[in-house]
Each structure stands twice: as C-alpha cells, then as structure tokens.
PDB file of N, CA and C in Angstrom:
ATOM      1  N   UNK A   1      53.753  13.533 -50.852  1.00  0.00           N
ATOM      2  CA  UNK A   1      54.295  12.127 -51.075  1.00  0.00           C
ATOM      3  C   UNK A   1      55.570  12.091 -52.066  1.00  0.00           C
ATOM      4  N   UNK A   2      55.977  10.999 -51.805  1.00  0.00           N
ATOM      5  CA  UNK A   2      57.844  10.651 -52.219  1.00  0.00           C
ATOM      6  C   UNK A   2      57.769  10.064 -53.878  1.00  0.00           C
ATOM      7  N   UNK A   3      58.630  10.008 -54.552  1.00  0.00           N
ATOM      8  CA  UNK A   3      58.327   9.298 -55.411  1.00  0.00           C
ATOM      9  C   UNK A   3      57.925   7.954 -54.967  1.00  0.00           C
ATOM     10  N   UNK A   4      59.191   7.267 -54.633  1.00  0.00           N
ATOM     11  CA  UNK A   4      58.507   6.258 -53.745  1.00  0.00           C
ATOM     12  C   UNK A   4      56.744   5.974 -53.327  1.00  0.00           C
ATOM     13  N   UNK A   5      56.676   6.852 -52.640  1.00  0.00           N
ATOM     14  CA  UNK A   5      55.293   6.392 -52.114  1.00  0.00           C
ATOM     15  C   UNK A   5      54.512   6.189 -53.277  1.00  0.00           C
ATOM     16  N   UNK A   6      54.175   7.348 -54.461  1.00  0.00           N
ATOM     17  CA  UNK A   6      53.739   7.243 -55.200  1.00  0.00           C
ATOM     18  C   UNK A   6      53.837   6.212 -56.476  1.00  0.00           C
ATOM     19  N   UNK A   7      55.419   5.045 -56.648  1.00  0.00           N
ATOM     20  CA  UNK A   7      55.628   4.111 -57.155  1.00  0.00           C
ATOM     21  C   UNK A   7      54.368   3.124 -55.980  1.00  0.00           C
ATOM     22  N   UNK A   8      54.440   3.461 -55.113  1.00  0.00           N
ATOM     23  CA  UNK A   8      53.808   2.093 -54.883  1.00  0.00           C
ATOM     24  C   UNK A   8      52.227   1.705 -54.938  1.00  0.00           C
ATOM     25  N   UNK A   9      51.713   3.589 -54.604  1.00  0.00           N
ATOM     26  CA  UNK A   9      50.400   3.875 -55.456  1.00  0.00           C
ATOM     27  C   UNK A   9      49.855   3.569 -56.397  1.00  0.00           C
ATOM     28  N   UNK A  10      50.546   3.547 -56.895  1.00  0.00           N
ATOM     29  CA  UNK A  10      50.237   3.132 -58.235  1.00  0.00           C
ATOM     30  C   UNK A  10      50.444   1.138 -58.836  1.00  0.00           C
ATOM     31  N   UNK A  11      51.250   0.933 -58.009  1.00  0.00           N
ATOM     32  CA  UNK A  11      51.595  -0.463 -58.341  1.00  0.00           C
ATOM     33  C   UNK A  11      50.351  -1.065 -58.037  1.00  0.00           C
ATOM     34  N   UNK A  12      49.855  -0.220 -56.381  1.00  0.00           N
ATOM     35  CA  UNK A  12      48.495  -1.128 -55.345  1.00  0.00           C
ATOM     36  C   UNK A  12      47.337  -0.942 -57.003  1.00  0.00           C
ATOM     37  N   UNK A  13      47.357   0.163 -57.069  1.00  0.00           N
ATOM     38  CA  UNK A  13      46.479  -0.165 -57.914  1.00  0.00           C
ATOM     39  C   UNK A  13      46.263  -0.077 -59.791  1.00  0.00           C
ATOM     40  N   UNK A  14      46.735  -1.023 -60.150  1.00  0.00           N
ATOM     41  CA  UNK A  14      47.415  -1.561 -60.936  1.00  0.00           C
ATOM     42  C   UNK A  14      46.895  -2.888 -60.108  1.00  0.00           C
ATOM     43  N   UNK A  15      47.113  -3.429 -59.529  1.00  0.00           N
ATOM     44  CA  UNK A  15      47.323  -4.878 -58.392  1.00  0.00           C
ATOM     45  C   UNK A  15      45.410  -5.013 -58.229  1.00  0.00           C
ATOM     46  N   UNK A  16      45.208  -3.350 -58.244  1.00  0.00           N
ATOM     47  CA  UNK A  16      43.876  -3.735 -58.074  1.00  0.00           C
ATOM     48  C   UNK A  16      43.060  -3.943 -59.294  1.00  0.00           C
ATOM     49  N   UNK A  17      43.240  -3.741 -59.917  1.00  0.00           N
ATOM     50  CA  UNK A  17      42.604  -3.663 -61.234  1.00  0.00           C
ATOM     51  C   UNK A  17      42.741  -4.693 -62.097  1.00  0.00           C
ATOM     52  N   UNK A  18      43.849  -4.756 -61.957  1.00  0.00           N
ATOM     53  CA  UNK A  18      44.507  -6.157 -63.656  1.00  0.00           C
ATOM     54  C   UNK A  18      44.909  -6.894 -62.991  1.00  0.00           C
ATOM     55  N   UNK A  19      44.941  -7.369 -61.738  1.00  0.00           N
ATOM     56  CA  UNK A  19      46.238  -8.553 -60.908  1.00  0.00           C
ATOM     57  C   UNK A  19      47.190  -8.237 -60.858  1.00  0.00           C
ATOM     58  N   UNK A  20      47.885  -8.822 -60.183  1.00  0.00           N
ATOM     59  CA  UNK A  20      49.566  -8.757 -59.843  1.00  0.00           C
ATOM     60  C   UNK A  20      50.166  -8.610 -60.655  1.00  0.00           C
ATOM     61  N   UNK A  21      50.249  -7.931 -61.434  1.00  0.00           N
ATOM     62  CA  UNK A  21      50.957  -8.501 -62.970  1.00  0.00           C
ATOM     63  C   UNK A  21      51.763  -7.719 -63.361  1.00  0.00           C
ATOM     64  N   UNK A  22      52.043  -6.194 -62.282  1.00  0.00           N
ATOM     65  CA  UNK A  22      53.337  -4.849 -62.758  1.00  0.00           C
ATOM     66  C   UNK A  22      54.678  -5.452 -61.063  1.00  0.00           C
ATOM     67  N   UNK A  23      55.867  -5.043 -61.349  1.00  0.00           N
ATOM     68  CA  UNK A  23      55.971  -5.580 -60.006  1.00  0.00           C
ATOM     69  C   UNK A  23      56.560  -3.723 -59.541  1.00  0.00           C
ATOM     70  N   UNK A  24      57.237  -4.074 -58.144  1.00  0.00           N
ATOM     71  CA  UNK A  24      57.284  -2.310 -58.042  1.00  0.00           C
ATOM     72  C   UNK A  24      58.196  -2.074 -58.312  1.00  0.00           C
ATOM     73  N   UNK A  25      59.245  -3.019 -59.104  1.00  0.00           N
ATOM     74  CA  UNK A  25      60.176  -1.887 -59.604  1.00  0.00           C
ATOM     75  C   UNK A  25      60.017  -1.953 -61.117  1.00  0.00           C
ATOM     76  N   UNK A  26      59.448  -2.906 -61.822  1.00  0.00           N
ATOM     77  CA  UNK A  26      58.707  -1.950 -63.118  1.00  0.00           C
ATOM     78  C   UNK A  26      57.678  -1.083 -63.165  1.00  0.00           C
ATOM     79  N   UNK A  27      57.351  -0.822 -62.047  1.00  0.00           N
ATOM     80  CA  UNK A  27      56.008   0.104 -62.046  1.00  0.00           C
ATOM     81  C   UNK A  27      57.521   1.648 -61.655  1.00  0.00           C
ATOM     82  N   UNK A  28      58.214   1.043 -61.257  1.00  0.00           N
ATOM     83  CA  UNK A  28      59.299   2.193 -60.450  1.00  0.00           C
ATOM     84  C   UNK A  28      59.662   3.089 -61.854  1.00  0.00           C
ATOM     85  N   UNK A  29      60.514   1.632 -62.890  1.00  0.00           N
ATOM     86  CA  UNK A  29      60.341   2.136 -64.399  1.00  0.00           C
ATOM     87  C   UNK A  29      59.606   2.437 -65.274  1.00  0.00           C
ATOM     88  N   UNK A  30      58.105   2.613 -65.000  1.00  0.00           N
ATOM     89  CA  UNK A  30      57.144   3.425 -65.679  1.00  0.00           C
ATOM     90  C   UNK A  30      57.405   4.756 -65.052  1.00  0.00           C
ATOM     91  N   UNK A  31      56.838   4.904 -63.819  1.00  0.00           N
ATOM     92  CA  UNK A  31      56.817   6.242 -62.836  1.00  0.00           C
ATOM     93  C   UNK A  31      58.392   7.386 -63.190  1.00  0.00           C
ATOM     94  N   UNK A  32      59.940   6.957 -63.512  1.00  0.00           N
ATOM     95  CA  UNK A  32      60.528   7.152 -64.102  1.00  0.00           C
ATOM     96  C   UNK A  32      60.989   7.908 -65.108  1.00  0.00           C
ATOM     97  N   UNK A  33      60.217   7.017 -66.201  1.00  0.00           N
ATOM     98  CA  UNK A  33      60.451   7.228 -67.902  1.00  0.00           C
ATOM     99  C   UNK A  33      59.343   8.504 -68.101  1.00  0.00           C
ATOM    100  N   UNK A  34      57.698   8.796 -67.128  1.00  0.00           N
ATOM    101  CA  UNK A  34      57.075   9.609 -67.667  1.00  0.00           C
ATOM    102  C   UNK A  34      57.872  11.055 -66.935  1.00  0.00           C
ATOM    103  N   UNK A  35      58.288  10.765 -65.773  1.00  0.00           N
ATOM    104  CA  UNK A  35      59.139  11.960 -65.287  1.00  0.00           C
ATOM    105  C   UNK A  35      60.347  12.584 -66.244  1.00  0.00           C
ATOM    106  N   UNK A  36      61.327  11.452 -66.779  1.00  0.00           N
ATOM    107  CA  UNK A  36      61.721  11.946 -67.754  1.00  0.00           C
ATOM    108  C   UNK A  36      61.469  12.385 -69.169  1.00  0.00           C
ATOM    109  N   UNK A  37      60.256  12.149 -69.129  1.00  0.00           N
ATOM    110  CA  UNK A  37      59.881  12.319 -70.674  1.00  0.00           C
ATOM    111  C   UNK A  37      59.405  14.201 -70.326  1.00  0.00           C
ATOM    112  N   UNK A  38      58.711  14.402 -69.326  1.00  0.00           N
ATOM    113  CA  UNK A  38      57.988  15.850 -68.542  1.00  0.00           C
ATOM    114  C   UNK A  38      59.205  16.343 -69.328  1.00  0.00           C
ATOM    115  N   UNK A  39      59.563  15.628 -67.880  1.00  0.00           N
ATOM    116  CA  UNK A  39      61.739  16.705 -68.102  1.00  0.00           C
ATOM    117  C   UNK A  39      61.974  16.981 -69.528  1.00  0.00           C
ATOM    118  N   UNK A  40      62.355  16.063 -70.328  1.00  0.00           N
ATOM    119  CA  UNK A  40      63.165  16.379 -71.800  1.00  0.00           C
ATOM    120  C   UNK A  40      61.725  17.543 -72.354  1.00  0.00           C
ATOM    121  N   UNK A  41      60.454  17.296 -72.261  1.00  0.00           N
ATOM    122  CA  UNK A  41      60.187  17.740 -72.898  1.00  0.00           C
ATOM    123  C   UNK A  41      59.976  19.869 -73.015  1.00  0.00           C
ATOM    124  N   UNK A  42      60.447  19.420 -71.630  1.00  0.00           N
ATOM    125  CA  UNK A  42      59.843  20.585 -70.796  1.00  0.00           C
ATOM    126  C   UNK A  42      61.796  21.602 -71.699  1.00  0.00           C
ATOM    127  N   UNK A  43      62.960  20.301 -71.351  1.00  0.00           N
ATOM    128  CA  UNK A  43      63.638  21.363 -71.554  1.00  0.00           C
ATOM    129  C   UNK A  43      64.265  21.744 -73.077  1.00  0.00           C
ATOM    130  N   UNK A  44      63.168  20.817 -74.186  1.00  0.00           N
ATOM    131  CA  UNK A  44      63.260  21.092 -74.980  1.00  0.00           C
ATOM    132  C   UNK A  44      61.643  22.388 -75.855  1.00  0.00           C
ATOM    133  N   UNK A  45      61.575  23.214 -74.709  1.00  0.00           N
ATOM    134  CA  UNK A  45      60.303  24.117 -74.553  1.00  0.00           C
ATOM    135  C   UNK A  45      59.530  23.857 -75.319  1.00  0.00           C
ATOM    136  N   UNK A  46      58.378  22.999 -74.830  1.00  0.00           N
ATOM    137  CA  UNK A  46      57.070  22.222 -75.475  1.00  0.00           C
ATOM    138  C   UNK A  46      56.146  22.030 -73.976  1.00  0.00           C
ATOM    139  N   UNK A  47      55.002  22.805 -74.645  1.00  0.00           N
ATOM    140  CA  UNK A  47      53.807  22.430 -73.391  1.00  0.00           C
ATOM    141  C   UNK A  47      53.617  20.127 -73.807  1.00  0.00           C
ATOM    142  N   UNK A  48      52.673  20.473 -72.521  1.00  0.00           N
ATOM    143  CA  UNK A  48      52.660  19.476 -71.618  1.00  0.00           C
ATOM    144  C   UNK A  48      51.335  19.391 -71.154  1.00  0.00           C
ATOM    145  N   UNK A  49      50.168  18.953 -72.110  1.00  0.00           N
ATOM    146  CA  UNK A  49      49.166  18.945 -71.639  1.00  0.00           C
ATOM    147  C   UNK A  49      48.138  17.447 -71.018  1.00  0.00           C
ATOM    148  N   UNK A  50      48.149  17.697 -69.990  1.00  0.00           N
ATOM    149  CA  UNK A  50      47.251  15.860 -69.795  1.00  0.00           C
ATOM    150  C   UNK A  50      45.551  16.522 -69.276  1.00  0.00           C
ATOM    151  N   UNK A  51      45.062  15.691 -70.136  1.00  0.00           N
ATOM    152  CA  UNK A  51      43.408  16.032 -69.576  1.00  0.00           C
ATOM    153  C   UNK A  51      42.991  15.944 -68.507  1.00  0.00           C
ATOM    154  N   UNK A  52      42.432  16.222 -67.561  1.00  0.00           N
ATOM    155  CA  UNK A  52      41.719  15.472 -66.657  1.00  0.00           C
ATOM    156  C   UNK A  52      42.917  16.292 -64.948  1.00  0.00           C
ATOM    157  N   UNK A  53      43.656  16.626 -65.705  1.00  0.00           N
ATOM    158  CA  UNK A  53      45.374  16.777 -64.537  1.00  0.00           C
ATOM    159  C   UNK A  53      45.626  18.506 -64.666  1.00  0.00           C
ATOM    160  N   UNK A  54      45.694  18.637 -66.245  1.00  0.00           N
ATOM    161  CA  UNK A  54      46.151  19.612 -66.155  1.00  0.00           C
ATOM    162  C   UNK A  54      47.764  20.049 -67.244  1.00  0.00           C
ATOM    163  N   UNK A  55      48.088  21.131 -67.203  1.00  0.00           N
ATOM    164  CA  UNK A  55      49.197  21.970 -68.010  1.00  0.00           C
ATOM    165  C   UNK A  55      50.726  21.748 -67.386  1.00  0.00           C
ATOM    166  N   UNK A  56      51.804  21.693 -68.002  1.00  0.00           N
ATOM    167  CA  UNK A  56      52.958  21.519 -67.434  1.00  0.00           C
ATOM    168  C   UNK A  56      53.262  22.759 -68.872  1.00  0.00           C
ATOM    169  N   UNK A  57      54.117  23.772 -68.710  1.00  0.00           N
ATOM    170  CA  UNK A  57      53.959  24.903 -69.987  1.00  0.00           C
ATOM    171  C   UNK A  57      55.765  25.722 -69.512  1.00  0.00           C
ATOM    172  N   UNK A  58      56.275  26.517 -70.250  1.00  0.00           N
ATOM    173  CA  UNK A  58      57.266  26.986 -70.279  1.00  0.00           C
ATOM    174  C   UNK A  58      56.780  28.491 -70.189  1.00  0.00           C
ATOM    175  N   UNK A  59      57.031  29.247 -69.006  1.00  0.00           N
ATOM    176  CA  UNK A  59      56.842  30.445 -69.612  1.00  0.00           C
ATOM    177  C   UNK A  59      58.145  31.214 -68.649  1.00  0.00           C
ATOM    178  N   UNK A  60      58.391  32.487 -70.011  1.00  0.00           N
ATOM    179  CA  UNK A  60      59.429  33.309 -69.921  1.00  0.00           C
ATOM    180  C   UNK A  60      58.677  34.290 -68.625  1.00  0.00           C
ATOM    181  N   UNK A  61      60.611  34.560 -67.965  1.00  0.00           N
ATOM    182  CA  UNK A  61      59.980  35.935 -67.200  1.00  0.00           C
ATOM    183  C   UNK A  61      61.426  36.234 -67.574  1.00  0.00           C
ATOM    184  N   UNK A  62      60.899  38.313 -67.268  1.00  0.00           N
ATOM    185  CA  UNK A  62      61.467  38.936 -67.737  1.00  0.00           C
ATOM    186  C   UNK A  62      62.310  39.154 -66.649  1.00  0.00           C
ATOM    187  N   UNK A  63      63.482  39.929 -67.611  1.00  0.00           N
ATOM    188  CA  UNK A  63      64.658  40.700 -66.827  1.00  0.00           C
ATOM    189  C   UNK A  63      63.981  42.274 -65.773  1.00  0.00           C
ATOM    190  N   UNK A  64      64.219  41.549 -64.396  1.00  0.00           N
ATOM    191  CA  UNK A  64      64.537  43.031 -63.516  1.00  0.00           C
ATOM    192  C   UNK A  64      65.626  43.189 -62.252  1.00  0.00           C
ATOM    193  N   UNK A  65      64.803  43.884 -62.237  1.00  0.00           N
ATOM    194  CA  UNK A  65      65.650  44.254 -61.307  1.00  0.00           C
ATOM    195  C   UNK A  65      65.281  43.676 -59.201  1.00  0.00           C
ATOM    196  N   UNK A  66      67.256  43.432 -58.667  1.00  0.00           N
ATOM    197  CA  UNK A  66      66.744  42.851 -57.257  1.00  0.00           C
ATOM    198  C   UNK A  66      67.714  43.210 -56.619  1.00  0.00           C
ATOM    199  N   UNK A  67      67.663  42.781 -55.215  1.00  0.00           N
ATOM    200  CA  UNK A  67      68.930  43.392 -54.499  1.00  0.00           C
ATOM    201  C   UNK A  67      69.190  41.976 -53.769  1.00  0.00           C
ATOM    202  N   UNK A  68      70.769  42.130 -53.896  1.00  0.00           N
ATOM    203  CA  UNK A  68      71.860  42.049 -53.313  1.00  0.00           C
ATOM    204  C   UNK A  68      71.358  41.680 -51.310  1.00  0.00           C
ATOM    205  N   UNK A  69      70.749  40.594 -50.757  1.00  0.00           N
ATOM    206  CA  UNK A  69      70.167  40.862 -49.661  1.00  0.00           C
ATOM    207  C   UNK A  69      71.809  40.427 -48.796  1.00  0.00           C
ATOM    208  N   UNK A  70      72.994  41.058 -49.347  1.00  0.00           N
ATOM    209  CA  UNK A  70      73.630  41.041 -48.429  1.00  0.00           C
ATOM    210  C   UNK A  70      74.569  42.495 -47.981  1.00  0.00           C
ATOM    211  N   UNK A  71      74.870  42.937 -49.390  1.00  0.00           N
ATOM    212  CA  UNK A  71      74.984  44.471 -49.436  1.00  0.00           C
ATOM    213  C   UNK A  71      73.955  45.534 -49.470  1.00  0.00           C
ATOM    214  N   UNK A  72      73.204  45.694 -50.271  1.00  0.00           N
ATOM    215  CA  UNK A  72      71.167  46.476 -50.600  1.00  0.00           C
ATOM    216  C   UNK A  72      72.225  47.369 -51.843  1.00  0.00           C
ATOM    217  N   UNK A  73      72.574  45.722 -52.959  1.00  0.00           N
ATOM    218  CA  UNK A  73      73.398  47.229 -53.893  1.00  0.00           C
ATOM    219  C   UNK A  73      71.691  46.391 -54.963  1.00  0.00           C
ATOM    220  N   UNK A  74      71.497  46.920 -56.235  1.00  0.00           N
ATOM    221  CA  UNK A  74      70.560  45.713 -57.141  1.00  0.00           C
ATOM    222  C   UNK A  74      71.467  45.366 -58.085  1.00  0.00           C
ATOM    223  N   UNK A  75      71.037  44.238 -58.299  1.00  0.00           N
ATOM    224  CA  UNK A  75      71.757  43.484 -58.986  1.00  0.00           C
ATOM    225  C   UNK A  75      70.161  42.894 -60.524  1.00  0.00           C
ATOM    226  N   UNK A  76      70.862  43.073 -61.793  1.00  0.00           N
ATOM    227  CA  UNK A  76      69.684  42.432 -62.566  1.00  0.00           C
ATOM    228  C   UNK A  76      70.055  41.169 -62.351  1.00  0.00           C
ATOM    229  N   UNK A  77      68.269  40.704 -62.480  1.00  0.00           N
ATOM    230  CA  UNK A  77      68.126  39.262 -63.002  1.00  0.00           C
ATOM    231  C   UNK A  77      67.909  38.876 -64.172  1.00  0.00           C
ATOM    232  N   UNK A  78      68.764  38.280 -64.529  1.00  0.00           N
ATOM    233  CA  UNK A  78      68.495  37.784 -66.445  1.00  0.00           C
ATOM    234  C   UNK A  78      67.205  37.134 -66.654  1.00  0.00           C
ATOM    235  N   UNK A  79      66.204  37.722 -68.079  1.00  0.00           N
ATOM    236  CA  UNK A  79      65.493  36.916 -68.514  1.00  0.00           C
ATOM    237  C   UNK A  79      65.835  35.484 -68.792  1.00  0.00           C
ATOM    238  N   UNK A  80      64.204  34.378 -67.641  1.00  0.00           N
ATOM    239  CA  UNK A  80      65.242  33.004 -67.914  1.00  0.00           C
ATOM    240  C   UNK A  80      63.821  32.048 -68.395  1.00  0.00           C
ATOM    241  N   UNK A  81      62.886  30.959 -68.762  1.00  0.00           N
ATOM    242  CA  UNK A  81      62.456  30.887 -68.701  1.00  0.00           C
ATOM    243  C   UNK A  81      62.840  29.483 -67.296  1.00  0.00           C
ATOM    244  N   UNK A  82      61.038  29.573 -67.058  1.00  0.00           N
ATOM    245  CA  UNK A  82      61.076  28.525 -66.136  1.00  0.00           C
ATOM    246  C   UNK A  82      59.767  28.068 -66.560  1.00  0.00           C
ATOM    247  N   UNK A  83      59.670  26.403 -65.890  1.00  0.00           N
ATOM    248  CA  UNK A  83      58.533  25.721 -65.487  1.00  0.00           C
ATOM    249  C   UNK A  83      57.632  26.088 -64.639  1.00  0.00           C
ATOM    250  N   UNK A  84      56.647  26.586 -65.216  1.00  0.00           N
ATOM    251  CA  UNK A  84      54.686  26.023 -64.794  1.00  0.00           C
ATOM    252  C   UNK A  84      53.863  25.189 -64.201  1.00  0.00           C
ATOM    253  N   UNK A  85      52.900  24.970 -64.017  1.00  0.00           N
ATOM    254  CA  UNK A  85      52.252  24.125 -63.967  1.00  0.00           C
ATOM    255  C   UNK A  85      50.526  24.556 -63.582  1.00  0.00           C
ATOM    256  N   UNK A  86      50.144  24.241 -64.486  1.00  0.00           N
ATOM    257  CA  UNK A  86      48.243  25.162 -64.302  1.00  0.00           C
ATOM    258  C   UNK A  86      47.548  23.842 -64.162  1.00  0.00           C
ATOM    259  N   UNK A  87      46.760  23.641 -62.866  1.00  0.00           N
ATOM    260  CA  UNK A  87      45.897  22.388 -63.317  1.00  0.00           C
ATOM    261  C   UNK A  87      44.919  23.047 -63.839  1.00  0.00           C
ATOM    262  N   UNK A  88      43.687  22.165 -64.159  1.00  0.00           N
ATOM    263  CA  UNK A  88      42.163  21.665 -65.059  1.00  0.00           C
ATOM    264  C   UNK A  88      41.417  21.692 -63.902  1.00  0.00           C
ATOM    265  N   UNK A  89      40.336  22.279 -64.942  1.00  0.00           N
ATOM    266  CA  UNK A  89      39.153  23.169 -63.875  1.00  0.00           C
ATOM    267  C   UNK A  89      38.794  20.742 -62.972  1.00  0.00           C
ATOM    268  N   UNK A  90      39.322  20.806 -63.794  1.00  0.00           N
ATOM    269  CA  UNK A  90      38.344  19.198 -62.956  1.00  0.00           C
ATOM    270  C   UNK A  90      39.355  18.248 -61.796  1.00  0.00           C
ATOM    271  N   UNK A  91      40.938  19.229 -61.529  1.00  0.00           N
ATOM    272  CA  UNK A  91      41.740  18.590 -60.177  1.00  0.00           C
ATOM    273  C   UNK A  91      41.477  20.191 -59.495  1.00  0.00           C
ATOM    274  N   UNK A  92      41.752  21.582 -59.598  1.00  0.00           N
ATOM    275  CA  UNK A  92      40.409  21.958 -58.708  1.00  0.00           C
ATOM    276  C   UNK A  92      39.708  21.986 -58.144  1.00  0.00           C
ATOM    277  N   UNK A  93      38.995  21.281 -58.846  1.00  0.00           N
ATOM    278  CA  UNK A  93      37.508  21.167 -58.182  1.00  0.00           C
ATOM    279  C   UNK A  93      37.139  19.585 -57.464  1.00  0.00           C
ATOM    280  N   UNK A  94      38.173  18.868 -58.047  1.00  0.00           N
ATOM    281  CA  UNK A  94      38.217  17.737 -56.903  1.00  0.00           C
ATOM    282  C   UNK A  94      39.503  18.769 -55.449  1.00  0.00           C
ATOM    283  N   UNK A  95      40.196  18.849 -55.768  1.00  0.00           N
ATOM    284  CA  UNK A  95      40.721  19.445 -54.725  1.00  0.00           C
ATOM    285  C   UNK A  95      40.478  20.283 -53.217  1.00  0.00           C
ATOM    286  N   UNK A  96      39.491  21.388 -53.675  1.00  0.00           N
ATOM    287  CA  UNK A  96      38.231  22.359 -53.357  1.00  0.00           C
ATOM    288  C   UNK A  96      37.233  21.403 -52.689  1.00  0.00           C
ATOM    289  N   UNK A  97      36.658  20.059 -53.389  1.00  0.00           N
ATOM    290  CA  UNK A  97      36.089  19.180 -52.481  1.00  0.00           C
ATOM    291  C   UNK A  97      36.623  18.608 -51.531  1.00  0.00           C
ATOM    292  N   UNK A  98      37.119  18.078 -51.478  1.00  0.00           N
ATOM    293  CA  UNK A  98      38.034  17.785 -50.671  1.00  0.00           C
ATOM    294  C   UNK A  98      38.414  18.581 -49.608  1.00  0.00           C
ATOM    295  N   UNK A  99      38.745  19.737 -49.990  1.00  0.00           N
ATOM    296  CA  UNK A  99      39.464  20.509 -49.082  1.00  0.00           C
ATOM    297  C   UNK A  99      37.668  20.192 -47.991  1.00  0.00           C
ATOM    298  N   UNK A 100      36.761  21.295 -48.451  1.00  0.00           N
ATOM    299  CA  UNK A 100      35.957  21.221 -48.254  1.00  0.00           C
ATOM    300  C   UNK A 100      35.195  19.888 -47.250  1.00  0.00           C
ATOM    301  N   UNK A 101      35.971  18.553 -47.202  1.00  0.00           N
ATOM    302  CA  UNK A 101      35.538  17.844 -46.520  1.00  0.00           C
ATOM    303  C   UNK A 101      36.372  17.767 -45.862  1.00  0.00           C
ATOM    304  N   UNK A 102      37.117  18.291 -45.658  1.00  0.00           N
ATOM    305  CA  UNK A 102      37.817  18.310 -44.570  1.00  0.00           C
ATOM    306  C   UNK A 102      37.651  19.004 -43.372  1.00  0.00           C
ATOM    307  N   UNK A 103      37.695  20.610 -43.708  1.00  0.00           N
ATOM    308  CA  UNK A 103      36.942  20.902 -43.207  1.00  0.00           C
ATOM    309  C   UNK A 103      35.874  21.024 -42.159  1.00  0.00           C
ATOM    310  N   UNK A 104      34.711  20.653 -42.690  1.00  0.00           N
ATOM    311  CA  UNK A 104      33.419  20.472 -42.471  1.00  0.00           C
ATOM    312  C   UNK A 104      32.937  18.889 -41.388  1.00  0.00           C
ATOM    313  N   UNK A 105      34.940  18.735 -41.609  1.00  0.00           N
ATOM    314  CA  UNK A 105      34.470  17.085 -40.667  1.00  0.00           C
ATOM    315  C   UNK A 105      35.505  17.600 -39.189  1.00  0.00           C
ATOM    316  N   UNK A 106      36.202  18.445 -39.484  1.00  0.00           N
ATOM    317  CA  UNK A 106      37.093  19.114 -38.135  1.00  0.00           C
ATOM    318  C   UNK A 106      35.744  19.445 -37.113  1.00  0.00           C
TER     319      UNK A 106
END
C-alpha cells in the first residue's frame, strides 16, 4: 500500500462515516502531518505509543564488526540509534486471524 492508497482509504472511510466533509487534498495533508509528527518525534529520540496499533521506538545498536564485501576486510560499524516498530497484541492477533482466513480459503 502506498501513501496515495492510504489517503484514498482514509478519505473513503471518513466519507462513509461522516459524509463527504473532507477532500482528498485535505486528507493527504492530515496523513502527511501525522507522518511528519512521527518522524520528528523519532528524530528527537521520543517513543510513540498508539494504543491498539503499536509503538515506534528508538533502539540503540551496538558497535559491531562487519566485513567489506569487496575486499573481505573487517570494518567497524559504529553504534547508532535505529527506529523500530513493535506491533500491539491486538494488531498481531488481527493479522494472524486474517492470515488464517486466507490459508483456509485456499
């Protein structure tokens, strides 16, 4: 699913529940604002918890040794923060239920 698909789906959901109150352009602005808020919070090393969906966190990766694929020489990779997503129990259960339905229908 692309961001355009997401905007389309959100616009359709709002139109179904509240009527055609929001344009696709406005919905795209809302989706963009949400994604920017998530990115800026993670850039500031803050965790984001969305109940029923999951948690976006910053995890610290340790310094490690890797190999240069061309030369085979060992190279030290510095420690760095990386963004991670941990789904909630509800989201995991929903995905598992959907996967079970798909495999049973086949």
